[in-house]
Amino acid sequence: MGLLGNEDISHPEFSIEVKDRKKFTGIKYLEQAERNCPDGKIPIAIVHVTRQSHSRDVVLVRLNDWQRLVERNTK
C-alpha cells in the first residue's frame, strides 16, 4: 500500500495504484465485453469521456487476463 503519495505496487515497467470499492459502474462495460467476446480472445473495454482526447481513454481488463498478457510479453 502506498503511503504519502507513493505508488501502491512497484513493477519494473508499471506504477500501479490499487482501489477497493463496493460498487464500480465501469464493471458493466467489461461484463458486456465478456458477453460479446468470441472464444480464445481476451475481453477488453475502452471507456472514452466525451470531448476529451482519446489518448486519455481508460482500458478495463480483468487482472488475470492482464497478468497473462504481461507474462506473454516478458518471455
C-alpha atoms as a PDB file:
ATOM      1  CA  MET A   1       0.000   0.000   0.000  1.00  0.00           C
ATOM      2  CA  GLY A   2       1.417   3.365  -0.990  1.00  0.00           C
ATOM      3  CA  LEU A   3       1.977   5.985   1.636  1.00  0.00           C
ATOM      4  CA  LEU A   4       2.338   9.742   1.263  1.00  0.00           C
ATOM      5  CA  GLY A   5       1.618   9.769  -2.446  1.00  0.00           C
ATOM      6  CA  ASN A   6       3.802   6.820  -3.429  1.00  0.00           C
ATOM      7  CA  GLU A   7       2.702   4.004  -5.742  1.00  0.00           C
ATOM      8  CA  ASP A   8       0.809   1.049  -4.271  1.00  0.00           C
ATOM      9  CA  ILE A   9       2.653  -1.587  -6.305  1.00  0.00           C
ATOM     10  CA  SER A  10       6.052  -1.172  -7.875  1.00  0.00           C
ATOM     11  CA  HIS A  11       6.828  -3.113 -11.042  1.00  0.00           C
ATOM     12  CA  PRO A  12       9.781  -2.759 -13.400  1.00  0.00           C
ATOM     13  CA  GLU A  13       7.512  -1.281 -16.108  1.00  0.00           C
ATOM     14  CA  PHE A  14       4.390  -0.094 -14.271  1.00  0.00           C
ATOM     15  CA  SER A  15       3.451   2.186 -11.406  1.00  0.00           C
ATOM     16  CA  ILE A  16       0.234   0.692 -10.028  1.00  0.00           C
ATOM     17  CA  GLU A  17      -2.475   2.338  -7.945  1.00  0.00           C
ATOM     18  CA  VAL A  18      -4.953  -0.066  -6.301  1.00  0.00           C
ATOM     19  CA  LYS A  19      -8.502   0.884  -5.307  1.00  0.00           C
ATOM     20  CA  ASP A  20     -11.174  -1.097  -3.451  1.00  0.00           C
ATOM     21  CA  ARG A  21     -14.820  -0.145  -3.991  1.00  0.00           C
ATOM     22  CA  LYS A  22     -18.156  -1.704  -3.051  1.00  0.00           C
ATOM     23  CA  LYS A  23     -19.532  -0.686  -6.460  1.00  0.00           C
ATOM     24  CA  PHE A  24     -17.864   0.334  -9.702  1.00  0.00           C
ATOM     25  CA  THR A  25     -20.013   1.481 -12.594  1.00  0.00           C
ATOM     26  CA  GLY A  26     -17.361   0.626 -15.189  1.00  0.00           C
ATOM     27  CA  ILE A  27     -17.641  -3.092 -14.462  1.00  0.00           C
ATOM     28  CA  LYS A  28     -20.817  -3.228 -16.594  1.00  0.00           C
ATOM     29  CA  TYR A  29     -18.755  -2.224 -19.649  1.00  0.00           C
ATOM     30  CA  LEU A  30     -16.287  -5.053 -19.080  1.00  0.00           C
ATOM     31  CA  GLU A  31     -19.126  -7.521 -18.459  1.00  0.00           C
ATOM     32  CA  GLN A  32     -20.612  -6.532 -21.835  1.00  0.00           C
ATOM     33  CA  ALA A  33     -17.219  -7.093 -23.478  1.00  0.00           C
ATOM     34  CA  GLU A  34     -17.086 -10.532 -21.820  1.00  0.00           C
ATOM     35  CA  ARG A  35     -20.564 -11.481 -23.062  1.00  0.00           C
ATOM     36  CA  ASN A  36     -19.654 -10.477 -26.620  1.00  0.00           C
ATOM     37  CA  CYS A  37     -16.153 -11.975 -26.601  1.00  0.00           C
ATOM     38  CA  PRO A  38     -15.505 -14.868 -29.001  1.00  0.00           C
ATOM     39  CA  ASP A  39     -13.741 -17.946 -27.588  1.00  0.00           C
ATOM     40  CA  GLY A  40      -9.982 -17.621 -27.436  1.00  0.00           C
ATOM     41  CA  LYS A  41      -9.935 -13.818 -27.199  1.00  0.00           C
ATOM     42  CA  ILE A  42      -9.391 -11.536 -24.193  1.00  0.00           C
ATOM     43  CA  PRO A  43     -12.282  -9.161 -23.456  1.00  0.00           C
ATOM     44  CA  ILE A  44     -11.276  -5.522 -23.018  1.00  0.00           C
ATOM     45  CA  ALA A  45     -13.433  -2.417 -22.573  1.00  0.00           C
ATOM     46  CA  ILE A  46     -12.206   1.058 -23.513  1.00  0.00           C
ATOM     47  CA  VAL A  47     -14.018   3.971 -21.863  1.00  0.00           C
ATOM     48  CA  HIS A  48     -13.971   7.375 -23.555  1.00  0.00           C
ATOM     49  CA  VAL A  49     -15.176  10.598 -21.920  1.00  0.00           C
ATOM     50  CA  THR A  50     -16.914  12.827 -24.448  1.00  0.00           C
ATOM     51  CA  ARG A  51     -14.881  15.851 -25.561  1.00  0.00           C
ATOM     52  CA  GLN A  52     -11.648  14.515 -24.102  1.00  0.00           C
ATOM     53  CA  SER A  53      -8.678  13.323 -26.102  1.00  0.00           C
ATOM     54  CA  HIS A  54      -8.793   9.616 -26.933  1.00  0.00           C
ATOM     55  CA  SER A  55      -5.256   9.391 -25.553  1.00  0.00           C
ATOM     56  CA  ARG A  56      -6.883   9.793 -22.107  1.00  0.00           C
ATOM     57  CA  ASP A  57      -9.302   6.849 -22.552  1.00  0.00           C
ATOM     58  CA  VAL A  58      -9.329   4.167 -19.872  1.00  0.00           C
ATOM     59  CA  VAL A  59      -8.760   0.469 -20.611  1.00  0.00           C
ATOM     60  CA  LEU A  60     -10.526  -2.156 -18.488  1.00  0.00           C
ATOM     61  CA  VAL A  61      -9.291  -5.744 -18.434  1.00  0.00           C
ATOM     62  CA  ARG A  62      -9.538  -8.479 -15.790  1.00  0.00           C
ATOM     63  CA  LEU A  63      -6.425  -8.859 -13.638  1.00  0.00           C
ATOM     64  CA  ASN A  64      -5.844 -12.500 -14.609  1.00  0.00           C
ATOM     65  CA  ASP A  65      -6.005 -11.585 -18.325  1.00  0.00           C
ATOM     66  CA  TRP A  66      -3.658  -8.630 -17.797  1.00  0.00           C
ATOM     67  CA  GLN A  67      -1.185 -10.866 -15.943  1.00  0.00           C
ATOM     68  CA  ARG A  68      -1.250 -13.356 -18.842  1.00  0.00           C
ATOM     69  CA  LEU A  69      -0.597 -10.543 -21.322  1.00  0.00           C
ATOM     70  CA  VAL A  70       2.321  -9.190 -19.284  1.00  0.00           C
ATOM     71  CA  GLU A  71       3.826 -12.652 -18.830  1.00  0.00           C
ATOM     72  CA  ARG A  72       3.434 -13.389 -22.556  1.00  0.00           C
ATOM     73  CA  ASN A  73       5.251 -10.175 -23.462  1.00  0.00           C
ATOM     74  CA  THR A  74       8.120 -10.609 -20.996  1.00  0.00           C
ATOM     75  CA  LYS A  75       9.226 -14.014 -22.277  1.00  0.00           C
END
